[in-house]
Amino acid sequence: MTTYPLVKYHFSVQWGGTRIGFTEVTGLDVETEVVEYREGSSPEFSKLKMPGMKKFSNITLKRGTFEMDNEFYQWWNTIKLNTIERRDITISLLNQEGEPVVTWNVKNAWPVKVQSTDLKADGSEVAIESIELAHEGLTINNGN
């Protein structure tokens, strides 16, 4: 029996209890900032490197534009001075049976950018819109 890596084209996104179809999800990364330190009497002529705070990229979700569907803009319009509707989001990579095998849990996400489709008179592509989300945490569960 041959084992293959997972394919990335079968996934689902759930936010605020709603499942919406997306064509692309990017920004599912986390990094640890490096804190450098050196005391003056150290015999080493280099800095120590220690793990610092976690840093999360913004997540971008892209989907086809549908007539009379303003969900991106409705969420973005909830932004008021120092307040926003925050949502926890679950992004799942699915197996052939549609079951999640890798899950990304996003904490306290809110929209920082909504982008409409570009327009092109001689194009024959689907109109794509996107939403960019800031958030406060990302955990990854790889089937464990």
Protein backbone atom coordinates (compact mmCIF):
# COMPACT_ATOMS: atom_id res chain seq x y z
CA MET A 1 0.00 0.00 0.00
CA THR A 2 1.37 3.39 -1.01
CA THR A 3 0.88 6.41 1.23
CA TYR A 4 0.47 9.79 -0.40
CA PRO A 5 0.54 13.27 1.12
CA LEU A 6 -2.77 15.05 1.60
CA VAL A 7 -4.18 17.10 -1.25
CA LYS A 8 -5.03 20.74 -0.54
CA TYR A 9 -8.11 21.28 -2.72
CA HIS A 10 -10.77 19.70 -0.47
CA PHE A 11 -11.40 21.97 2.52
CA SER A 12 -14.14 23.76 4.42
CA VAL A 13 -14.39 27.00 6.40
CA GLN A 14 -16.84 27.63 9.25
CA TRP A 15 -17.31 31.04 10.82
CA GLY A 16 -20.04 32.20 13.16
CA GLY A 17 -21.92 28.93 12.68
CA THR A 18 -22.11 29.36 8.89
CA ARG A 19 -20.27 27.24 6.34
CA ILE A 20 -19.18 29.28 3.32
CA GLY A 21 -17.43 27.90 0.25
CA PHE A 22 -14.04 29.44 -0.50
CA THR A 23 -11.68 28.94 -3.40
CA GLU A 24 -8.49 29.83 -1.51
CA VAL A 25 -7.23 30.27 2.06
CA THR A 26 -3.79 31.76 2.77
CA GLY A 27 -1.91 32.97 5.85
CA LEU A 28 -2.15 29.87 8.05
CA ASP A 29 1.20 30.42 9.69
CA VAL A 30 2.63 31.20 13.09
CA GLU A 31 6.14 32.21 14.06
CA THR A 32 8.03 32.84 17.26
CA GLU A 33 9.84 36.15 17.50
CA VAL A 34 13.47 36.00 18.56
CA VAL A 35 14.62 37.93 21.63
CA GLU A 36 18.32 38.68 21.69
CA TYR A 37 20.23 39.40 24.90
CA ARG A 38 23.82 39.87 25.94
CA GLU A 39 25.21 40.96 29.26
CA GLY A 40 28.40 42.99 29.24
CA SER A 41 30.50 40.52 31.23
CA SER A 42 29.64 37.53 29.05
CA PRO A 43 32.72 35.65 27.80
CA GLU A 44 30.85 35.02 24.53
CA PHE A 45 31.09 37.83 21.98
CA SER A 46 27.64 37.10 20.63
CA LYS A 47 24.08 37.47 21.80
CA LEU A 48 21.93 34.76 23.32
CA LYS A 49 18.78 34.02 21.36
CA MET A 50 15.60 33.18 23.25
CA PRO A 51 12.04 32.49 22.14
CA GLY A 52 9.79 35.51 22.40
CA MET A 53 6.16 36.23 21.63
CA LYS A 54 4.13 34.37 19.01
CA LYS A 55 3.25 36.25 15.84
CA PHE A 56 0.37 35.36 13.53
CA SER A 57 -0.09 36.38 9.91
CA ASN A 58 -3.38 37.77 8.66
CA ILE A 59 -5.54 35.15 6.96
CA THR A 60 -7.00 35.82 3.51
CA LEU A 61 -10.12 34.02 2.29
CA LYS A 62 -11.14 34.19 -1.38
CA ARG A 63 -14.40 33.15 -2.99
CA GLY A 64 -16.56 33.73 -6.03
CA THR A 65 -18.75 36.85 -6.05
CA PHE A 66 -22.47 36.10 -5.91
CA GLU A 67 -25.37 38.44 -6.62
CA MET A 68 -27.14 39.66 -3.46
CA ASP A 69 -24.49 38.16 -1.14
CA ASN A 70 -23.01 40.88 1.07
CA GLU A 71 -21.77 38.79 4.00
CA PHE A 72 -18.17 40.07 3.76
CA TYR A 73 -19.32 43.72 3.79
CA GLN A 74 -21.91 43.16 6.52
CA TRP A 75 -19.22 41.80 8.84
CA TRP A 76 -16.77 44.57 7.85
CA ASN A 77 -19.49 47.19 8.53
CA THR A 78 -19.68 46.10 12.19
CA ILE A 79 -16.38 47.94 12.78
CA LYS A 80 -16.89 50.90 15.08
CA LEU A 81 -14.39 52.85 17.16
CA ASN A 82 -12.55 50.20 19.22
CA THR A 83 -15.30 47.60 18.72
CA ILE A 84 -15.78 44.83 16.19
CA GLU A 85 -17.70 41.60 15.93
CA ARG A 86 -15.05 38.93 16.47
CA ARG A 87 -15.52 35.36 15.31
CA ASP A 88 -13.79 32.07 15.91
CA ILE A 89 -13.14 30.32 12.60
CA THR A 90 -12.48 26.66 11.85
CA ILE A 91 -10.67 25.72 8.64
CA SER A 92 -10.51 22.00 7.88
CA LEU A 93 -8.61 20.01 5.29
CA LEU A 94 -10.92 17.12 4.37
CA ASN A 95 -10.35 13.53 3.31
CA GLN A 96 -12.20 11.78 0.49
CA GLU A 97 -15.19 11.13 2.76
CA GLY A 98 -15.43 14.83 3.70
CA GLU A 99 -14.08 14.29 7.22
CA PRO A 100 -11.55 16.75 8.71
CA VAL A 101 -7.99 15.41 8.88
CA VAL A 102 -6.18 18.68 9.63
CA THR A 103 -7.94 21.54 11.43
CA TRP A 104 -6.84 25.14 11.96
CA ASN A 105 -8.71 26.92 14.77
CA VAL A 106 -8.56 30.70 14.52
CA LYS A 107 -9.33 32.77 17.63
CA ASN A 108 -11.10 36.18 17.71
CA ALA A 109 -10.84 36.97 13.99
CA TRP A 110 -12.11 40.23 12.51
CA PRO A 111 -11.94 41.77 9.03
CA VAL A 112 -9.24 44.31 8.25
CA LYS A 113 -9.77 44.39 4.49
CA VAL A 114 -12.49 43.47 2.02
CA GLN A 115 -11.52 43.45 -1.64
CA SER A 116 -13.94 43.29 -4.56
CA THR A 117 -13.11 41.56 -7.81
CA ASP A 118 -11.03 43.19 -10.50
CA LEU A 119 -12.78 43.82 -13.80
CA LYS A 120 -11.45 42.92 -17.24
CA ALA A 121 -13.41 43.45 -20.48
CA ASP A 122 -11.68 40.63 -22.38
CA GLY A 123 -11.49 38.14 -19.47
CA SER A 124 -13.57 35.02 -18.98
CA GLU A 125 -12.73 34.27 -15.36
CA VAL A 126 -14.98 34.02 -12.32
CA ALA A 127 -15.33 37.24 -10.29
CA ILE A 128 -13.40 36.68 -7.03
CA GLU A 129 -13.73 38.70 -3.81
CA SER A 130 -11.57 38.38 -0.72
CA ILE A 131 -11.56 39.20 2.96
CA GLU A 132 -8.42 39.61 5.08
CA LEU A 133 -8.69 38.76 8.77
CA ALA A 134 -6.59 39.72 11.77
CA HIS A 135 -6.80 37.32 14.70
CA GLU A 136 -5.39 36.52 18.13
CA GLY A 137 -4.33 32.92 17.79
CA LEU A 138 -4.01 29.89 15.55
CA THR A 139 -3.86 26.27 16.67
CA ILE A 140 -3.31 23.34 14.36
CA ASN A 141 -4.67 19.83 14.96
CA ASN A 142 -3.25 17.24 12.54
CA GLY A 143 -5.49 14.28 13.29
CA ASN A 144 -4.22 13.64 16.81
